[in-house]
Each structure stands twice: as structure tokens, then as C-alpha cells.
Amino acid sequence: MEIKVNYVGIIRSILGKIKGEVVEVAEGTTVKQLVEKLAEKYGEAFKNHCIEKEWGRIRNNVFVEVDGEQVLFSPEKYEMALKGKKEVVITTIPDNFLAA
């Protein structure tokens, strides 16, 4: 299945000129698996910015929206299947912003 992925904020600067794309994923793909797939595609800078090395989970500075629904700081929602979904928006904020 295909899902549209849009990049906003710092993540867009990591990816250069890429503002969005259509990504082919398997039917049962979860939000977390999508971010992991993108990390494989875009390399270490993307991976280090989006996925915690020690725990392998999506970092707290990554905000994901699926068809307008925010998926924030919720491990259960990161396991949500994308079946039937049309659009994912991924944005990040600086790590030090959360510490303030």
C-alpha cells in the first residue's frame, strides 16, 4: 500500500530538498516501522535524530501525525497500523526545547 509522508521542521533540513514523498509499505506496517524504514532509507542523520540508540524507540522530539491525529509520546500509538491511512506528517523539534 502507499502512504504519503510529509516532512516539516528540522527533519526537512536533514533531508535537504525533500518535502514529502509517497512510500510503499506492507499492509500491517505500524507508525514505528514506517519511521524505521525511513531511517534505513535516509541514513544515520535521520536515524540519530528520530530513533533512540539505546532503546530503539521513536525519540520524544519526534512528532507524528496520521491523517490529522497526533501521535505524541505514546508507545501504543506508535504501534498503530497504517492500514487505511492516507497521510503521515513527521516533524521534529530541537532536543533542548523539551528540556526548557
Protein backbone atom coordinates (compact mmCIF):
# COMPACT_ATOMS: atom_id res chain seq x y z
CA MET A 1 0.00 0.00 0.00
CA GLU A 2 1.08 3.59 -0.50
CA ILE A 3 1.11 6.33 2.10
CA LYS A 4 2.01 9.97 1.65
CA VAL A 5 4.67 11.22 4.05
CA ASN A 6 5.33 14.93 4.56
CA TYR A 7 8.36 16.29 6.39
CA VAL A 8 8.27 19.51 8.43
CA GLY A 9 10.77 21.48 10.50
CA ILE A 10 14.24 20.23 11.35
CA ILE A 11 13.62 16.85 9.73
CA ARG A 12 13.19 18.61 6.41
CA SER A 13 16.59 20.26 6.77
CA ILE A 14 18.14 16.83 7.39
CA LEU A 15 16.56 15.54 4.19
CA GLY A 16 17.56 18.53 2.07
CA LYS A 17 15.03 19.45 -0.58
CA ILE A 18 12.64 16.57 0.15
CA LYS A 19 9.36 17.99 1.45
CA GLY A 20 7.39 14.80 1.08
CA GLU A 21 7.04 11.56 -0.80
CA VAL A 22 4.83 8.56 -1.36
CA VAL A 23 6.19 5.50 0.44
CA GLU A 24 5.29 1.90 -0.34
CA VAL A 25 4.65 -0.12 2.84
CA ALA A 26 3.17 -3.52 3.67
CA GLU A 27 -0.47 -3.67 4.82
CA GLY A 28 0.30 -4.18 8.51
CA THR A 29 3.06 -1.56 8.78
CA THR A 30 2.98 0.48 12.00
CA VAL A 31 3.97 4.10 12.56
CA LYS A 32 7.19 2.92 14.24
CA GLN A 33 8.02 0.59 11.35
CA LEU A 34 7.49 3.44 8.89
CA VAL A 35 9.94 5.68 10.79
CA GLU A 36 12.44 2.78 10.92
CA LYS A 37 12.06 2.23 7.17
CA LEU A 38 12.70 5.92 6.53
CA ALA A 39 15.75 5.77 8.82
CA GLU A 40 17.15 2.93 6.71
CA LYS A 41 16.49 4.91 3.55
CA TYR A 42 17.91 8.26 4.71
CA GLY A 43 20.82 7.08 6.84
CA GLU A 44 22.47 7.95 10.14
CA ALA A 45 21.49 11.63 10.38
CA PHE A 46 17.78 10.79 10.08
CA LYS A 47 18.10 7.72 12.31
CA ASN A 48 20.02 9.53 15.07
CA HIS A 49 17.53 12.38 15.04
CA CYS A 50 14.42 10.18 15.13
CA ILE A 51 15.27 6.93 16.93
CA GLU A 52 16.88 6.48 20.35
CA LYS A 53 20.03 4.38 20.03
CA GLU A 54 19.75 2.71 23.41
CA TRP A 55 16.06 1.74 23.33
CA GLY A 56 15.29 1.70 19.60
CA ARG A 57 12.11 3.73 20.09
CA ILE A 58 10.99 6.94 18.45
CA ARG A 59 12.56 9.89 20.26
CA ASN A 60 10.48 12.34 22.29
CA ASN A 61 11.35 15.22 19.96
CA VAL A 62 9.64 13.50 17.01
CA PHE A 63 6.03 14.43 16.38
CA VAL A 64 3.97 12.27 14.06
CA GLU A 65 0.50 12.99 12.75
CA VAL A 66 -1.53 10.29 10.99
CA ASP A 67 -4.50 11.53 8.96
CA GLY A 68 -4.71 14.57 11.24
CA GLU A 69 -4.42 12.61 14.52
CA GLN A 70 -1.41 13.44 16.66
CA VAL A 71 0.74 10.54 17.82
CA LEU A 72 2.71 12.06 20.70
CA PHE A 73 4.76 10.36 23.44
CA SER A 74 2.54 7.30 23.19
CA PRO A 75 4.23 3.96 22.54
CA GLU A 76 0.83 2.34 21.92
CA LYS A 77 0.06 4.78 19.14
CA TYR A 78 3.46 4.19 17.54
CA GLU A 79 2.28 0.58 17.16
CA MET A 80 -0.86 1.74 15.32
CA ALA A 81 -1.18 0.08 11.92
CA LEU A 82 -1.29 2.41 8.94
CA LYS A 83 -3.84 0.26 7.08
CA GLY A 84 -6.44 2.52 5.52
CA LYS A 85 -4.47 5.66 6.39
CA LYS A 86 -3.55 8.20 3.72
CA GLU A 87 -1.05 10.68 5.13
CA VAL A 88 1.67 10.88 7.75
CA VAL A 89 3.40 14.12 8.77
CA ILE A 90 6.72 13.90 10.60
CA THR A 91 8.26 16.89 12.32
CA THR A 92 10.90 17.29 14.99
CA ILE A 93 11.96 19.94 17.44
CA PRO A 94 15.42 20.53 18.97
CA ASP A 95 16.25 18.22 21.88
CA ASN A 96 16.98 21.17 24.17
CA PHE A 97 13.48 22.57 23.55
CA LEU A 98 11.96 19.76 25.64
CA ALA A 99 14.39 20.38 28.50
CA ALA A 100 13.36 24.03 28.86
